[in-house]
Amino acid sequence: QVQLVESGGALVQPGGSLRLSCTASGFTLDYFAIGWFRQAPGKEREGVLCISSSDSSTYYADSVKGRFTISRDNAKSTVYLQMNSLKPEDTAVYYCATDLIVYSTCSDVGNRDLAHWGQGTLVTVAS
């Protein structure tokens, strides 16, 4: 059964760093684009970053450019979201998701109703 599990969320001070992990099971990660999304308290969910099956990155949120990066380790079936220079406005539950369509693009992932989501991991940026 297809499963995505996020981990790595924590309380961190402004300016700090965190690395989130999204570990996939039930399918071969290599062929699929994976997106990271977040939902802050009282706000709608927004896209953050995506990585395609060919390892190209697409930023959905301008606010994280220059601070967040995405990578994947197919051997570990894991996609990482490296978050640096964290700000209080980055506080949110972070989710990874995929449409589970082979070789779909990050544009596809950003625009479709995605079928597969993780349970989310909470990131709190506060002093």
Foldseek 3Di string as FASTA:
>chain_A
DWAWAKDWADEAAQQAKTKMKIAIPPDQLLFWKKWKWWDAVPGDIFTAKIAFSVGDIDGRDPVQPPFWDKGDDRVRRMIMIIGGRDDQVVWTWMKMFTQPDGRDDVVCVRPDDRDYMHPTGTHGYHD
